Amino acid sequence: MTRLFVDVDRSSPVPLYFQVAQQIEHAINEGDLAPGDRLDNEISLAEQIGLSRPTMRRAIQELVDKGLLVRKRGVGTQVVH
């Protein structure tokens, strides 16, 4: 599992899920997250970052919708090749 370092600004008008999605997308674009890398499950990611599970789920879903991540049952969330 790949460890993510995400910093959210709770005083910002930008929604938390969007801040998280942008930072994960940046990590993918910079090569910090390589194709095939697996992310922790949304529960542990939410705990690491200090967010609720629904917020983390929405951030991940944003990136799935953009085609950057793929969710596979029994495998987890991975960066798209």
PDB file of N, CA and C in Angstrom:
ATOM      1  N   MET A   1       0.838  -1.185   0.000  1.00  0.00           N
ATOM      2  CA  MET A   1       0.000   0.000   0.000  1.00  0.00           C
ATOM      3  C   MET A   1       0.881   1.245   0.000  1.00  0.00           C
ATOM      4  N   THR A   2       0.458   2.227  -0.746  1.00  0.00           N
ATOM      5  CA  THR A   2       1.211   3.461  -0.862  1.00  0.00           C
ATOM      6  C   THR A   2       0.742   4.450   0.194  1.00  0.00           C
ATOM      7  N   ARG A   3       1.696   5.053   0.871  1.00  0.00           N
ATOM      8  CA  ARG A   3       1.379   6.026   1.912  1.00  0.00           C
ATOM      9  C   ARG A   3       1.214   7.400   1.270  1.00  0.00           C
ATOM     10  N   LEU A   4       0.112   8.066   1.569  1.00  0.00           N
ATOM     11  CA  LEU A   4      -0.167   9.389   1.011  1.00  0.00           C
ATOM     12  C   LEU A   4       0.058  10.462   2.062  1.00  0.00           C
ATOM     13  N   PHE A   5       0.593  11.577   1.626  1.00  0.00           N
ATOM     14  CA  PHE A   5       0.741  12.731   2.502  1.00  0.00           C
ATOM     15  C   PHE A   5      -0.139  13.833   1.947  1.00  0.00           C
ATOM     16  N   VAL A   6      -1.290  14.005   2.587  1.00  0.00           N
ATOM     17  CA  VAL A   6      -2.274  14.975   2.130  1.00  0.00           C
ATOM     18  C   VAL A   6      -2.498  15.980   3.245  1.00  0.00           C
ATOM     19  N   ASP A   7      -2.471  17.260   2.886  1.00  0.00           N
ATOM     20  CA  ASP A   7      -2.675  18.334   3.851  1.00  0.00           C
ATOM     21  C   ASP A   7      -3.930  19.100   3.449  1.00  0.00           C
ATOM     22  N   VAL A   8      -4.934  19.126   4.329  1.00  0.00           N
ATOM     23  CA  VAL A   8      -6.165  19.842   4.012  1.00  0.00           C
ATOM     24  C   VAL A   8      -6.244  21.133   4.819  1.00  0.00           C
ATOM     25  N   ASP A   9      -6.809  22.149   4.192  1.00  0.00           N
ATOM     26  CA  ASP A   9      -7.005  23.450   4.831  1.00  0.00           C
ATOM     27  C   ASP A   9      -8.478  23.582   5.182  1.00  0.00           C
ATOM     28  N   ARG A  10      -8.787  23.365   6.450  1.00  0.00           N
ATOM     29  CA  ARG A  10     -10.180  23.385   6.883  1.00  0.00           C
ATOM     30  C   ARG A  10     -10.801  24.776   6.840  1.00  0.00           C
ATOM     31  N   SER A  11      -9.981  25.824   6.784  1.00  0.00           N
ATOM     32  CA  SER A  11     -10.515  27.189   6.735  1.00  0.00           C
ATOM     33  C   SER A  11     -10.775  27.649   5.299  1.00  0.00           C
ATOM     34  N   SER A  12     -10.357  26.851   4.330  1.00  0.00           N
ATOM     35  CA  SER A  12     -10.527  27.200   2.919  1.00  0.00           C
ATOM     36  C   SER A  12     -11.982  26.994   2.476  1.00  0.00           C
ATOM     37  N   PRO A  13     -12.450  27.824   1.545  1.00  0.00           N
ATOM     38  CA  PRO A  13     -13.804  27.613   1.013  1.00  0.00           C
ATOM     39  C   PRO A  13     -13.876  26.413   0.058  1.00  0.00           C
ATOM     40  N   VAL A  14     -12.711  25.879  -0.356  1.00  0.00           N
ATOM     41  CA  VAL A  14     -12.669  24.718  -1.250  1.00  0.00           C
ATOM     42  C   VAL A  14     -13.076  23.475  -0.449  1.00  0.00           C
ATOM     43  N   PRO A  15     -14.028  22.692  -0.951  1.00  0.00           N
ATOM     44  CA  PRO A  15     -14.461  21.489  -0.215  1.00  0.00           C
ATOM     45  C   PRO A  15     -13.291  20.541   0.074  1.00  0.00           C
ATOM     46  N   LEU A  16     -13.345  19.889   1.225  1.00  0.00           N
ATOM     47  CA  LEU A  16     -12.265  18.999   1.653  1.00  0.00           C
ATOM     48  C   LEU A  16     -12.042  17.871   0.656  1.00  0.00           C
ATOM     49  N   TYR A  17     -13.136  17.271   0.149  1.00  0.00           N
ATOM     50  CA  TYR A  17     -12.971  16.161  -0.791  1.00  0.00           C
ATOM     51  C   TYR A  17     -12.218  16.620  -2.035  1.00  0.00           C
ATOM     52  N   PHE A  18     -12.474  17.857  -2.474  1.00  0.00           N
ATOM     53  CA  PHE A  18     -11.828  18.382  -3.672  1.00  0.00           C
ATOM     54  C   PHE A  18     -10.338  18.635  -3.417  1.00  0.00           C
ATOM     55  N   GLN A  19     -10.011  19.139  -2.214  1.00  0.00           N
ATOM     56  CA  GLN A  19      -8.603  19.346  -1.850  1.00  0.00           C
ATOM     57  C   GLN A  19      -7.844  18.020  -1.871  1.00  0.00           C
ATOM     58  N   VAL A  20      -8.455  16.978  -1.307  1.00  0.00           N
ATOM     59  CA  VAL A  20      -7.823  15.655  -1.270  1.00  0.00           C
ATOM     60  C   VAL A  20      -7.655  15.117  -2.685  1.00  0.00           C
ATOM     61  N   ALA A  21      -8.708  15.208  -3.494  1.00  0.00           N
ATOM     62  CA  ALA A  21      -8.653  14.712  -4.870  1.00  0.00           C
ATOM     63  C   ALA A  21      -7.560  15.418  -5.664  1.00  0.00           C
ATOM     64  N   GLN A  22      -7.440  16.739  -5.498  1.00  0.00           N
ATOM     65  CA  GLN A  22      -6.411  17.498  -6.211  1.00  0.00           C
ATOM     66  C   GLN A  22      -5.011  17.046  -5.821  1.00  0.00           C
ATOM     67  N   GLN A  23      -4.804  16.789  -4.531  1.00  0.00           N
ATOM     68  CA  GLN A  23      -3.476  16.394  -4.066  1.00  0.00           C
ATOM     69  C   GLN A  23      -3.115  14.985  -4.522  1.00  0.00           C
ATOM     70  N   ILE A  24      -4.087  14.091  -4.545  1.00  0.00           N
ATOM     71  CA  ILE A  24      -3.821  12.742  -5.046  1.00  0.00           C
ATOM     72  C   ILE A  24      -3.544  12.808  -6.546  1.00  0.00           C
ATOM     73  N   GLU A  25      -4.321  13.617  -7.266  1.00  0.00           N
ATOM     74  CA  GLU A  25      -4.109  13.779  -8.712  1.00  0.00           C
ATOM     75  C   GLU A  25      -2.711  14.351  -8.981  1.00  0.00           C
ATOM     76  N   HIS A  26      -2.295  15.303  -8.164  1.00  0.00           N
ATOM     77  CA  HIS A  26      -0.956  15.885  -8.306  1.00  0.00           C
ATOM     78  C   HIS A  26       0.117  14.819  -8.077  1.00  0.00           C
ATOM     79  N   ALA A  27      -0.083  13.971  -7.067  1.00  0.00           N
ATOM     80  CA  ALA A  27       0.885  12.901  -6.777  1.00  0.00           C
ATOM     81  C   ALA A  27       0.975  11.925  -7.949  1.00  0.00           C
ATOM     82  N   ILE A  28      -0.152  11.663  -8.602  1.00  0.00           N
ATOM     83  CA  ILE A  28      -0.157  10.768  -9.765  1.00  0.00           C
ATOM     84  C   ILE A  28       0.595  11.435 -10.923  1.00  0.00           C
ATOM     85  N   ASN A  29       0.282  12.701 -11.184  1.00  0.00           N
ATOM     86  CA  ASN A  29       0.913  13.422 -12.296  1.00  0.00           C
ATOM     87  C   ASN A  29       2.413  13.620 -12.098  1.00  0.00           C
ATOM     88  N   GLU A  30       2.848  13.766 -10.844  1.00  0.00           N
ATOM     89  CA  GLU A  30       4.269  13.963 -10.546  1.00  0.00           C
ATOM     90  C   GLU A  30       5.041  12.643 -10.507  1.00  0.00           C
ATOM     91  N   GLY A  31       4.319  11.531 -10.530  1.00  0.00           N
ATOM     92  CA  GLY A  31       4.980  10.234 -10.503  1.00  0.00           C
ATOM     93  C   GLY A  31       5.203   9.680  -9.110  1.00  0.00           C
ATOM     94  N   ASP A  32       4.706  10.400  -8.081  1.00  0.00           N
ATOM     95  CA  ASP A  32       4.818   9.886  -6.714  1.00  0.00           C
ATOM     96  C   ASP A  32       3.964   8.628  -6.547  1.00  0.00           C
ATOM     97  N   LEU A  33       2.873   8.586  -7.283  1.00  0.00           N
ATOM     98  CA  LEU A  33       2.033   7.383  -7.346  1.00  0.00           C
ATOM     99  C   LEU A  33       2.148   6.845  -8.762  1.00  0.00           C
ATOM    100  N   ALA A  34       2.745   5.690  -8.887  1.00  0.00           N
ATOM    101  CA  ALA A  34       2.986   5.103 -10.207  1.00  0.00           C
ATOM    102  C   ALA A  34       1.792   4.255 -10.634  1.00  0.00           C
ATOM    103  N   PRO A  35       1.639   4.030 -11.939  1.00  0.00           N
ATOM    104  CA  PRO A  35       0.572   3.142 -12.408  1.00  0.00           C
ATOM    105  C   PRO A  35       0.672   1.770 -11.731  1.00  0.00           C
ATOM    106  N   GLY A  36      -0.457   1.292 -11.247  1.00  0.00           N
ATOM    107  CA  GLY A  36      -0.487   0.006 -10.559  1.00  0.00           C
ATOM    108  C   GLY A  36      -0.356   0.117  -9.055  1.00  0.00           C
ATOM    109  N   ASP A  37       0.088   1.277  -8.550  1.00  0.00           N
ATOM    110  CA  ASP A  37       0.181   1.456  -7.096  1.00  0.00           C
ATOM    111  C   ASP A  37      -1.204   1.340  -6.477  1.00  0.00           C
ATOM    112  N   ARG A  38      -1.262   0.656  -5.338  1.00  0.00           N
ATOM    113  CA  ARG A  38      -2.532   0.520  -4.629  1.00  0.00           C
ATOM    114  C   ARG A  38      -2.604   1.530  -3.503  1.00  0.00           C
ATOM    115  N   LEU A  39      -3.800   2.075  -3.296  1.00  0.00           N
ATOM    116  CA  LEU A  39      -4.044   2.982  -2.179  1.00  0.00           C
ATOM    117  C   LEU A  39      -4.627   2.190  -1.023  1.00  0.00           C
ATOM    118  N   ASP A  40      -4.427   2.698   0.186  1.00  0.00           N
ATOM    119  CA  ASP A  40      -5.074   2.091   1.349  1.00  0.00           C
ATOM    120  C   ASP A  40      -6.581   2.182   1.169  1.00  0.00           C
ATOM    121  N   ASN A  41      -7.318   1.410   1.944  1.00  0.00           N
ATOM    122  CA  ASN A  41      -8.780   1.509   1.846  1.00  0.00           C
ATOM    123  C   ASN A  41      -9.237   2.862   2.387  1.00  0.00           C
ATOM    124  N   GLU A  42     -10.448   3.243   2.015  1.00  0.00           N
ATOM    125  CA  GLU A  42     -10.901   4.593   2.341  1.00  0.00           C
ATOM    126  C   GLU A  42     -11.030   4.832   3.839  1.00  0.00           C
ATOM    127  N   ILE A  43     -11.259   3.780   4.621  1.00  0.00           N
ATOM    128  CA  ILE A  43     -11.353   3.941   6.073  1.00  0.00           C
ATOM    129  C   ILE A  43     -10.001   4.354   6.646  1.00  0.00           C
ATOM    130  N   SER A  44      -8.937   3.641   6.270  1.00  0.00           N
ATOM    131  CA  SER A  44      -7.621   3.981   6.822  1.00  0.00           C
ATOM    132  C   SER A  44      -7.106   5.301   6.246  1.00  0.00           C
ATOM    133  N   LEU A  45      -7.405   5.589   4.974  1.00  0.00           N
ATOM    134  CA  LEU A  45      -7.018   6.886   4.406  1.00  0.00           C
ATOM    135  C   LEU A  45      -7.705   8.022   5.161  1.00  0.00           C
ATOM    136  N   ALA A  46      -8.994   7.848   5.433  1.00  0.00           N
ATOM    137  CA  ALA A  46      -9.746   8.878   6.160  1.00  0.00           C
ATOM    138  C   ALA A  46      -9.147   9.105   7.545  1.00  0.00           C
ATOM    139  N   GLU A  47      -8.747   8.017   8.218  1.00  0.00           N
ATOM    140  CA  GLU A  47      -8.131   8.146   9.542  1.00  0.00           C
ATOM    141  C   GLU A  47      -6.791   8.850   9.464  1.00  0.00           C
ATOM    142  N   GLN A  48      -5.966   8.497   8.461  1.00  0.00           N
ATOM    143  CA  GLN A  48      -4.647   9.120   8.301  1.00  0.00           C
ATOM    144  C   GLN A  48      -4.761  10.621   8.110  1.00  0.00           C
ATOM    145  N   ILE A  49      -5.746  11.035   7.310  1.00  0.00           N
ATOM    146  CA  ILE A  49      -5.882  12.448   6.961  1.00  0.00           C
ATOM    147  C   ILE A  49      -6.735  13.197   7.973  1.00  0.00           C
ATOM    148  N   GLY A  50      -7.544  12.471   8.724  1.00  0.00           N
ATOM    149  CA  GLY A  50      -8.403  13.106   9.721  1.00  0.00           C
ATOM    150  C   GLY A  50      -9.722  13.576   9.130  1.00  0.00           C
ATOM    151  N   LEU A  51     -10.230  12.827   8.166  1.00  0.00           N
ATOM    152  CA  LEU A  51     -11.496  13.157   7.526  1.00  0.00           C
ATOM    153  C   LEU A  51     -12.500  12.045   7.763  1.00  0.00           C
ATOM    154  N   SER A  52     -13.752  12.317   7.392  1.00  0.00           N
ATOM    155  CA  SER A  52     -14.768  11.273   7.500  1.00  0.00           C
ATOM    156  C   SER A  52     -14.663  10.337   6.297  1.00  0.00           C
ATOM    157  N   ARG A  53     -15.197   9.138   6.466  1.00  0.00           N
ATOM    158  CA  ARG A  53     -15.156   8.164   5.377  1.00  0.00           C
ATOM    159  C   ARG A  53     -15.925   8.660   4.136  1.00  0.00           C
ATOM    160  N   PRO A  54     -17.116   9.262   4.287  1.00  0.00           N
ATOM    161  CA  PRO A  54     -17.818   9.750   3.092  1.00  0.00           C
ATOM    162  C   PRO A  54     -17.022  10.813   2.320  1.00  0.00           C
ATOM    163  N   THR A  55     -16.285  11.651   3.025  1.00  0.00           N
ATOM    164  CA  THR A  55     -15.454  12.664   2.367  1.00  0.00           C
ATOM    165  C   THR A  55     -14.357  11.988   1.563  1.00  0.00           C
ATOM    166  N   MET A  56     -13.721  10.987   2.148  1.00  0.00           N
ATOM    167  CA  MET A  56     -12.653  10.262   1.455  1.00  0.00           C
ATOM    168  C   MET A  56     -13.216   9.494   0.265  1.00  0.00           C
ATOM    169  N   ARG A  57     -14.381   8.900   0.438  1.00  0.00           N
ATOM    170  CA  ARG A  57     -15.025   8.157  -0.640  1.00  0.00           C
ATOM    171  C   ARG A  57     -15.306   9.083  -1.820  1.00  0.00           C
ATOM    172  N   ARG A  58     -15.773  10.282  -1.538  1.00  0.00           N
ATOM    173  CA  ARG A  58     -16.094  11.229  -2.617  1.00  0.00           C
ATOM    174  C   ARG A  58     -14.834  11.669  -3.346  1.00  0.00           C
ATOM    175  N   ALA A  59     -13.744  11.880  -2.607  1.00  0.00           N
ATOM    176  CA  ALA A  59     -12.474  12.271  -3.233  1.00  0.00           C
ATOM    177  C   ALA A  59     -11.990  11.171  -4.172  1.00  0.00           C
ATOM    178  N   ILE A  60     -12.052   9.929  -3.712  1.00  0.00           N
ATOM    179  CA  ILE A  60     -11.612   8.807  -4.542  1.00  0.00           C
ATOM    180  C   ILE A  60     -12.525   8.669  -5.759  1.00  0.00           C
ATOM    181  N   GLN A  61     -13.834   8.841  -5.549  1.00  0.00           N
ATOM    182  CA  GLN A  61     -14.777   8.719  -6.656  1.00  0.00           C
ATOM    183  C   GLN A  61     -14.529   9.786  -7.724  1.00  0.00           C
ATOM    184  N   GLU A  62     -14.127  10.987  -7.310  1.00  0.00           N
ATOM    185  CA  GLU A  62     -13.784  12.049  -8.271  1.00  0.00           C
ATOM    186  C   GLU A  62     -12.684  11.565  -9.213  1.00  0.00           C
ATOM    187  N   LEU A  63     -11.673  10.912  -8.649  1.00  0.00           N
ATOM    188  CA  LEU A  63     -10.533  10.456  -9.447  1.00  0.00           C
ATOM    189  C   LEU A  63     -10.880   9.227 -10.276  1.00  0.00           C
ATOM    190  N   VAL A  64     -11.792   8.398  -9.773  1.00  0.00           N
ATOM    191  CA  VAL A  64     -12.276   7.265 -10.570  1.00  0.00           C
ATOM    192  C   VAL A  64     -13.028   7.811 -11.783  1.00  0.00           C
ATOM    193  N   ASP A  65     -13.862   8.829 -11.553  1.00  0.00           N
ATOM    194  CA  ASP A  65     -14.628   9.436 -12.649  1.00  0.00           C
ATOM    195  C   ASP A  65     -13.723  10.085 -13.685  1.00  0.00           C
ATOM    196  N   LYS A  66     -12.570  10.617 -13.251  1.00  0.00           N
ATOM    197  CA  LYS A  66     -11.610  11.235 -14.176  1.00  0.00           C
ATOM    198  C   LYS A  66     -10.766  10.189 -14.908  1.00  0.00           C
ATOM    199  N   GLY A  67     -10.843   8.942 -14.443  1.00  0.00           N
ATOM    200  CA  GLY A  67     -10.081   7.883 -15.088  1.00  0.00           C
ATOM    201  C   GLY A  67      -8.668   7.734 -14.561  1.00  0.00           C
ATOM    202  N   LEU A  68      -8.373   8.324 -13.408  1.00  0.00           N
ATOM    203  CA  LEU A  68      -7.028   8.229 -12.836  1.00  0.00           C
ATOM    204  C   LEU A  68      -6.881   7.036 -11.892  1.00  0.00           C
ATOM    205  N   LEU A  69      -7.982   6.652 -11.264  1.00  0.00           N
ATOM    206  CA  LEU A  69      -7.977   5.512 -10.350  1.00  0.00           C
ATOM    207  C   LEU A  69      -9.018   4.510 -10.806  1.00  0.00           C
ATOM    208  N   VAL A  70      -8.824   3.264 -10.413  1.00  0.00           N
ATOM    209  CA  VAL A  70      -9.800   2.213 -10.697  1.00  0.00           C
ATOM    210  C   VAL A  70     -10.019   1.427  -9.406  1.00  0.00           C
ATOM    211  N   ARG A  71     -11.285   1.107  -9.144  1.00  0.00           N
ATOM    212  CA  ARG A  71     -11.628   0.302  -7.975  1.00  0.00           C
ATOM    213  C   ARG A  71     -11.914  -1.105  -8.436  1.00  0.00           C
ATOM    214  N   LYS A  72     -11.305  -2.072  -7.775  1.00  0.00           N
ATOM    215  CA  LYS A  72     -11.562  -3.475  -8.086  1.00  0.00           C
ATOM    216  C   LYS A  72     -11.947  -4.189  -6.805  1.00  0.00           C
ATOM    217  N   ARG A  73     -13.065  -4.874  -6.862  1.00  0.00           N
ATOM    218  CA  ARG A  73     -13.539  -5.607  -5.691  1.00  0.00           C
ATOM    219  C   ARG A  73     -12.517  -6.688  -5.329  1.00  0.00           C
ATOM    220  N   GLY A  74     -12.143  -6.730  -4.073  1.00  0.00           N
ATOM    221  CA  GLY A  74     -11.197  -7.732  -3.597  1.00  0.00           C
ATOM    222  C   GLY A  74      -9.736  -7.339  -3.807  1.00  0.00           C
ATOM    223  N   VAL A  75      -9.486  -6.320  -4.608  1.00  0.00           N
ATOM    224  CA  VAL A  75      -8.113  -5.866  -4.868  1.00  0.00           C
ATOM    225  C   VAL A  75      -7.878  -4.506  -4.201  1.00  0.00           C
ATOM    226  N   GLY A  76      -8.824  -3.606  -4.382  1.00  0.00           N
ATOM    227  CA  GLY A  76      -8.707  -2.277  -3.801  1.00  0.00           C
ATOM    228  C   GLY A  76      -8.651  -1.217  -4.890  1.00  0.00           C
ATOM    229  N   THR A  77      -8.210  -0.043  -4.500  1.00  0.00           N
ATOM    230  CA  THR A  77      -8.121   1.091  -5.418  1.00  0.00           C
ATOM    231  C   THR A  77      -6.701   1.202  -5.938  1.00  0.00           C
ATOM    232  N   GLN A  78      -6.560   1.280  -7.259  1.00  0.00           N
ATOM    233  CA  GLN A  78      -5.252   1.342  -7.885  1.00  0.00           C
ATOM    234  C   GLN A  78      -5.167   2.516  -8.839  1.00  0.00           C
ATOM    235  N   VAL A  79      -3.938   2.991  -9.065  1.00  0.00           N
ATOM    236  CA  VAL A  79      -3.674   4.005 -10.078  1.00  0.00           C
ATOM    237  C   VAL A  79      -3.759   3.311 -11.430  1.00  0.00           C
ATOM    238  N   VAL A  80      -4.441   3.949 -12.377  1.00  0.00           N
ATOM    239  CA  VAL A  80      -4.651   3.384 -13.708  1.00  0.00           C
ATOM    240  C   VAL A  80      -3.328   3.341 -14.477  1.00  0.00           C
ATOM    241  N   HIS A  81      -3.138   2.298 -15.267  1.00  0.00           N
ATOM    242  CA  HIS A  81      -1.939   2.165 -16.113  1.00  0.00           C
ATOM    243  C   HIS A  81      -2.036   3.096 -17.303  1.00  0.00           C
TER     244      HIS A  81
END
